[in-house]
Protein backbone atom coordinates (compact mmCIF):
# COMPACT_ATOMS: atom_id res chain seq x y z
CA MET A 1 -24.74 42.72 -190.21
CA SER A 2 -26.58 40.07 -192.22
CA VAL A 3 -25.45 39.24 -195.76
CA HIS A 4 -27.73 37.60 -198.32
CA LEU A 5 -27.39 36.49 -201.93
CA VAL A 6 -30.43 37.69 -203.86
CA PRO A 7 -32.16 34.64 -205.39
CA ASP A 8 -33.22 34.73 -209.03
CA GLY A 9 -36.83 34.44 -207.92
CA LEU A 10 -36.69 37.96 -206.45
CA ALA A 11 -35.04 39.56 -209.49
CA GLY A 12 -36.80 42.79 -210.42
CA GLU A 13 -38.38 43.30 -206.99
CA ARG A 14 -37.91 46.56 -205.11
CA VAL A 15 -35.12 46.29 -202.59
CA ASP A 16 -37.39 47.04 -199.63
CA THR A 17 -39.70 44.18 -200.61
CA ALA A 18 -36.82 41.80 -201.28
CA ALA A 19 -35.01 42.69 -198.07
CA ALA A 20 -38.15 42.21 -196.00
CA ARG A 21 -38.72 38.75 -197.49
CA MET A 22 -35.09 37.71 -197.10
CA THR A 23 -34.57 38.97 -193.55
CA GLY A 24 -38.01 38.55 -191.99
CA LEU A 25 -38.03 42.21 -190.92
CA SER A 26 -41.08 44.35 -191.60
CA ARG A 27 -41.20 46.62 -194.63
CA SER A 28 -41.44 49.69 -192.41
CA ARG A 29 -38.32 48.58 -190.48
CA ILE A 30 -36.46 48.00 -193.77
CA ASP A 31 -37.56 51.43 -195.01
CA ASP A 32 -36.11 53.02 -191.88
CA LEU A 33 -32.84 51.13 -192.33
CA ILE A 34 -32.63 52.19 -195.99
CA ALA A 35 -33.23 55.83 -195.04
CA ASP A 36 -30.37 55.60 -192.54
CA GLY A 37 -27.99 54.02 -195.07
CA HIS A 38 -27.94 50.58 -193.44
CA VAL A 39 -28.98 48.60 -196.53
CA GLN A 40 -26.54 48.07 -199.40
CA LEU A 41 -26.47 46.17 -202.68
CA ASN A 42 -23.00 45.10 -203.79
CA GLY A 43 -21.52 47.61 -201.37
CA ARG A 44 -23.59 50.59 -202.53
CA ALA A 45 -26.33 52.41 -200.62
CA VAL A 46 -29.83 52.13 -202.10
CA SER A 47 -33.19 53.85 -202.10
CA LYS A 48 -36.26 51.79 -201.32
CA SER A 49 -37.33 51.83 -204.99
CA THR A 50 -34.04 50.34 -206.20
CA ARG A 51 -34.62 47.07 -208.06
CA VAL A 52 -32.59 43.99 -207.21
CA ALA A 53 -31.05 41.45 -209.57
CA GLY A 54 -30.37 37.79 -208.97
CA GLY A 55 -26.90 37.11 -207.58
CA GLU A 56 -26.45 40.55 -206.03
CA LEU A 57 -25.12 40.78 -202.49
CA LEU A 58 -27.59 42.35 -200.07
CA GLU A 59 -26.17 43.65 -196.77
CA VAL A 60 -28.48 44.73 -193.93
CA THR A 61 -26.98 46.26 -190.80
CA LEU A 62 -29.04 46.49 -187.63
CA PRO A 63 -27.53 49.37 -185.62
CA ALA A 64 -27.17 49.02 -181.89
CA ARG A 65 -29.86 50.71 -179.82
CA PRO A 66 -27.99 52.15 -176.85
CA ASN A 67 -31.10 53.73 -175.38
CA ALA A 68 -33.34 50.68 -175.67
CA VAL A 69 -35.18 49.85 -172.45
CA PRO A 70 -35.73 46.13 -171.80
CA VAL A 71 -39.24 44.76 -171.53
CA VAL A 72 -39.49 43.09 -168.13
CA PRO A 73 -42.63 40.92 -167.94
CA ARG A 74 -45.01 42.09 -165.21
CA THR A 75 -48.74 41.84 -164.78
CA VAL A 76 -50.47 45.23 -164.84
CA GLU A 77 -53.75 45.62 -162.99
CA GLY A 78 -56.59 47.11 -165.00
CA ILE A 79 -55.53 46.19 -168.53
CA ARG A 80 -58.40 44.52 -170.36
CA ILE A 81 -57.98 42.34 -173.45
CA VAL A 82 -60.72 43.41 -175.85
CA HIS A 83 -59.78 41.15 -178.77
CA ASP A 84 -57.12 38.56 -179.49
CA ASP A 85 -56.36 36.52 -182.62
CA ALA A 86 -53.33 35.30 -184.57
CA ASP A 87 -52.51 38.76 -185.94
CA ILE A 88 -53.49 41.36 -183.36
CA VAL A 89 -54.35 41.96 -179.74
CA VAL A 90 -56.53 44.94 -178.82
CA VAL A 91 -56.20 46.20 -175.27
CA ASP A 92 -58.14 48.68 -173.18
CA LYS A 93 -55.38 50.61 -171.40
CA PRO A 94 -56.03 52.27 -168.05
CA ALA A 95 -54.54 55.64 -167.13
CA GLY A 96 -51.15 55.45 -165.44
CA VAL A 97 -49.87 52.81 -167.84
CA ALA A 98 -47.46 53.54 -170.72
CA ALA A 99 -47.68 51.87 -174.11
CA HIS A 100 -44.12 50.54 -173.69
CA PRO A 101 -41.08 51.10 -171.43
CA SER A 102 -38.96 54.19 -172.06
CA LEU A 103 -36.14 56.14 -170.51
CA GLY A 104 -37.37 58.17 -167.56
CA TRP A 105 -40.48 56.02 -167.03
CA SER A 106 -40.40 53.38 -164.29
CA GLY A 107 -44.12 52.64 -164.21
CA PRO A 108 -46.03 49.77 -165.84
CA SER A 109 -46.55 49.35 -169.58
CA VAL A 110 -48.77 47.47 -172.01
CA THR A 111 -45.92 45.51 -173.61
CA GLU A 112 -44.70 44.32 -170.20
CA HIS A 113 -48.20 43.10 -169.34
CA LEU A 114 -48.53 41.26 -172.65
CA ALA A 115 -45.15 39.61 -172.09
CA ALA A 116 -46.20 38.49 -168.60
CA ALA A 117 -49.49 37.15 -169.95
CA GLY A 118 -47.66 34.99 -172.50
CA PHE A 119 -48.58 36.89 -175.65
CA ARG A 120 -46.14 36.47 -178.53
CA ILE A 121 -46.08 39.73 -180.43
CA SER A 122 -44.30 40.96 -183.55
CA THR A 123 -40.54 41.41 -183.28
CA SER A 124 -40.66 44.46 -185.55
CA GLY A 125 -39.86 47.85 -184.04
CA ALA A 126 -37.40 48.91 -181.37
CA ALA A 127 -36.78 46.28 -178.69
CA GLU A 128 -38.88 48.02 -176.05
CA ARG A 129 -41.84 48.69 -178.35
CA GLN A 130 -41.94 45.64 -180.59
CA GLY A 131 -45.39 45.18 -182.05
CA VAL A 132 -46.57 48.64 -180.99
CA VAL A 133 -48.15 50.44 -183.94
CA GLN A 134 -49.81 53.25 -181.95
CA ARG A 135 -49.34 54.80 -178.54
CA LEU A 136 -51.52 56.49 -175.95
CA ASP A 137 -50.22 58.97 -173.38
CA VAL A 138 -49.68 57.55 -169.91
CA GLY A 139 -52.55 59.67 -168.61
CA THR A 140 -54.92 58.75 -171.45
CA SER A 141 -57.05 55.62 -171.23
CA GLY A 142 -58.66 53.54 -173.93
CA LEU A 143 -58.02 51.36 -176.96
CA MET A 144 -54.68 50.30 -178.38
CA VAL A 145 -53.88 47.66 -181.00
CA VAL A 146 -50.63 45.69 -180.87
CA ALA A 147 -49.41 43.55 -183.77
CA LYS A 148 -48.69 39.87 -183.13
CA SER A 149 -47.51 38.87 -186.61
CA GLU A 150 -44.91 40.57 -188.80
CA ARG A 151 -47.48 41.01 -191.58
CA ALA A 152 -49.89 42.66 -189.16
CA TYR A 153 -47.19 45.06 -187.98
CA THR A 154 -46.35 46.11 -191.54
CA LEU A 155 -49.96 46.55 -192.64
CA LEU A 156 -51.08 48.37 -189.49
CA LYS A 157 -48.11 50.74 -189.53
CA ARG A 158 -48.99 51.53 -193.13
CA ALA A 159 -52.67 52.03 -192.25
CA PHE A 160 -51.82 54.49 -189.48
CA ARG A 161 -49.36 56.28 -191.75
CA ASP A 162 -51.91 56.47 -194.58
CA ARG A 163 -54.62 57.69 -192.15
CA THR A 164 -57.05 54.90 -192.92
CA VAL A 165 -57.52 54.01 -189.24
CA ASP A 166 -60.56 55.57 -187.56
CA LYS A 167 -59.37 56.86 -184.16
CA VAL A 168 -62.18 58.22 -181.99
CA TYR A 169 -61.68 59.94 -178.64
CA HIS A 170 -63.95 61.64 -176.15
CA ALA A 171 -62.48 64.66 -174.40
CA LEU A 172 -63.92 66.86 -171.68
CA VAL A 173 -62.64 70.38 -172.23
CA GLN A 174 -62.99 73.58 -170.28
CA GLY A 175 -65.44 76.19 -171.53
CA PHE A 176 -67.47 76.08 -174.72
CA PRO A 177 -65.65 75.75 -178.06
CA ASP A 178 -66.99 78.09 -180.72
CA PRO A 179 -67.87 76.81 -183.27
CA HIS A 180 -69.27 73.72 -181.58
CA VAL A 181 -68.15 71.62 -184.58
CA GLY A 182 -64.79 72.30 -186.14
CA THR A 183 -61.34 71.34 -187.31
CA ILE A 184 -58.03 72.37 -185.80
CA ASP A 185 -55.18 72.38 -188.30
CA ALA A 186 -51.96 73.49 -186.62
CA PRO A 187 -48.41 72.06 -186.76
CA ILE A 188 -47.03 70.42 -183.63
CA ALA A 189 -43.43 70.04 -182.47
CA ARG A 190 -41.58 69.62 -179.21
CA HIS A 191 -41.80 72.67 -176.96
CA PRO A 192 -38.43 74.49 -177.09
CA GLY A 193 -38.35 75.00 -173.33
CA HIS A 194 -39.80 71.72 -171.98
CA ASP A 195 -38.58 68.16 -172.46
CA TRP A 196 -41.99 66.53 -171.95
CA LYS A 197 -44.25 69.10 -173.60
CA MET A 198 -45.41 69.73 -177.17
CA ALA A 199 -46.54 73.01 -178.73
CA ILE A 200 -47.88 74.65 -181.86
CA ILE A 201 -44.69 75.48 -183.75
CA ASP A 202 -44.23 76.90 -187.25
CA GLY A 203 -42.50 74.22 -189.25
CA GLY A 204 -43.75 71.47 -186.92
CA ARG A 205 -45.42 68.29 -188.12
CA HIS A 206 -48.73 68.67 -189.93
CA SER A 207 -51.51 67.92 -187.43
CA VAL A 208 -55.28 67.87 -187.94
CA THR A 209 -57.98 67.30 -185.30
CA HIS A 210 -61.73 67.20 -185.98
CA TYR A 211 -64.20 67.69 -183.12
CA ASP A 212 -67.94 67.71 -182.50
CA THR A 213 -69.88 68.67 -179.37
CA LEU A 214 -71.63 65.82 -177.55
CA GLU A 215 -72.80 67.46 -174.33
CA VAL A 216 -72.53 70.88 -172.70
CA PHE A 217 -72.20 71.37 -168.94
CA ARG A 218 -71.68 74.33 -166.67
CA GLY A 219 -68.10 75.38 -167.49
CA ALA A 220 -67.16 72.35 -169.59
CA THR A 221 -67.99 70.58 -172.85
CA LEU A 222 -67.78 66.92 -173.83
CA LEU A 223 -66.35 66.52 -177.33
CA GLU A 224 -66.05 63.64 -179.77
CA VAL A 225 -62.70 63.89 -181.48
CA HIS A 226 -61.50 62.22 -184.69
CA LEU A 227 -57.78 62.34 -185.35
CA GLU A 228 -56.65 62.72 -188.93
CA THR A 229 -53.03 62.61 -187.82
CA GLY A 230 -51.52 61.09 -184.68
CA ARG A 231 -48.95 63.38 -183.09
CA THR A 232 -47.73 63.20 -179.51
CA HIS A 233 -50.25 64.96 -177.21
CA GLN A 234 -52.16 66.11 -180.31
CA ILE A 235 -55.63 66.46 -178.77
CA ARG A 236 -54.25 68.08 -175.62
CA VAL A 237 -52.14 70.58 -177.57
CA HIS A 238 -54.89 71.47 -180.04
CA ALA A 239 -57.52 71.83 -177.31
CA ALA A 240 -55.24 74.20 -175.40
CA ALA A 241 -54.45 76.11 -178.60
CA ILE A 242 -58.11 77.10 -179.05
CA GLY A 243 -58.37 78.11 -175.41
CA HIS A 244 -60.19 75.00 -174.15
CA PRO A 245 -57.68 72.64 -172.52
CA CYS A 246 -58.71 69.19 -171.42
CA VAL A 247 -60.13 69.15 -167.91
CA GLY A 248 -57.54 67.73 -165.52
CA ASP A 249 -54.56 68.59 -167.75
CA PRO A 250 -52.41 71.14 -165.90
CA LEU A 251 -49.49 70.65 -168.34
CA TYR A 252 -51.55 72.38 -171.03
CA GLY A 253 -53.44 74.88 -168.93
CA GLY A 254 -56.14 72.85 -167.21
CA ASP A 255 -57.64 74.38 -164.06
CA PRO A 256 -56.53 72.31 -161.02
CA VAL A 257 -59.47 73.59 -158.97
CA LEU A 258 -61.99 72.21 -161.47
CA ALA A 259 -60.08 68.93 -161.68
CA ALA A 260 -60.12 68.57 -157.90
CA ARG A 261 -63.84 69.32 -157.76
CA LEU A 262 -64.44 66.50 -160.26
CA GLY A 263 -62.08 64.10 -158.51
CA LEU A 264 -59.72 63.92 -161.50
CA GLN A 265 -56.03 63.12 -161.17
CA ARG A 266 -55.35 63.07 -164.93
CA GLN A 267 -56.71 64.56 -168.14
CA TRP A 268 -60.28 63.67 -169.10
CA LEU A 269 -59.40 61.97 -172.39
CA HIS A 270 -60.41 58.48 -173.50
CA ALA A 271 -59.87 56.50 -176.73
CA VAL A 272 -63.43 55.20 -177.15
CA GLY A 273 -63.27 53.76 -180.67
CA LEU A 274 -60.79 52.16 -183.04
CA GLY A 275 -61.63 50.92 -186.52
CA PHE A 276 -59.42 49.52 -189.27
CA GLU A 277 -59.05 46.84 -191.92
CA HIS A 278 -58.01 43.62 -190.20
CA PRO A 279 -54.48 42.78 -191.40
CA GLY A 280 -55.28 39.09 -191.58
CA SER A 281 -58.82 38.81 -192.95
CA GLY A 282 -59.04 42.15 -194.73
CA GLU A 283 -62.44 42.71 -193.13
CA SER A 284 -63.41 45.99 -191.49
CA VAL A 285 -63.30 45.70 -187.70
CA ARG A 286 -64.29 48.14 -184.97
CA PHE A 287 -63.73 48.11 -181.22
CA THR A 288 -65.21 50.31 -178.50
CA SER A 289 -64.36 51.08 -174.89
CA PRO A 290 -66.64 52.38 -172.12
CA TYR A 291 -65.58 55.23 -169.87
CA PRO A 292 -63.49 54.16 -166.87
CA ASP A 293 -64.89 54.91 -163.42
CA ASP A 294 -62.99 58.17 -162.80
CA LEU A 295 -64.16 59.74 -166.05
CA ALA A 296 -67.74 58.53 -165.65
CA HIS A 297 -67.81 59.89 -162.09
CA ALA A 298 -66.60 63.32 -163.26
CA LEU A 299 -69.36 63.47 -165.89
CA GLN A 300 -71.99 62.52 -163.34
CA LEU A 301 -70.86 65.31 -161.02
CA LEU A 302 -71.23 67.79 -163.89
CA ARG A 303 -74.67 66.47 -164.80
CA ASP A 304 -75.80 66.72 -161.18
CA ALA A 305 -74.50 70.25 -160.73
């Protein structure tokens, strides 16, 4: 627990703002702590809109994280640094690499690579995913942004939450979606019978996916996908829900015979574009990523068929 005397200069501020300034934690981290009852003023629980007064006693408790997985620095082959500055680092993640360590995953991760490469990233977030403001599935390649400064972490988390980040994916799906341009609006939650699978569930989290057809092949279609929300496995779940699972994705109904014919050992899904307001300069920035070799090879086989 950390205990702070609220200075007169912060009198009248919201408690989440004051606590963030006094502790150095991000606003989003403080908001989580307030929601869990770990922030008190003069011994009383608060809401994030509570106003502080000079001389009040602010108590912030950081609960233990028994399930935290340590970040062990290790260099990961194939990770490409797309952009690096004082606030952010943008990486191009290969398939087979997680965003951060987690229970049940012993493979490489982006945060471990950044640690090995000497990057100092934000300390906000759980120990194993500090600085991580977005995640990609292990089997999905493409662009990720990681916060280096505390301000960047707070602003980027807010931007993702407020849906002001432009997240663009290309997905190769089985069959021919009809209509060829559309929106999938269906709630997603954890599958009741599978630990590592998601599903369309009444009462799940609101999830919206927009898609447009880029190219049609024999038995498959290349889509451009814009995510309005960012749920776990969202594109994969929504594609399967309309009867057109991602090629190479057996977890959600992908045909293993087609995947083998195209030489795929993972889902054909790539984060090709990422655009947002830079948390330092305030300028609009955009990053792009080319297809990795396995996905490009699969497309060429379809074009040659």
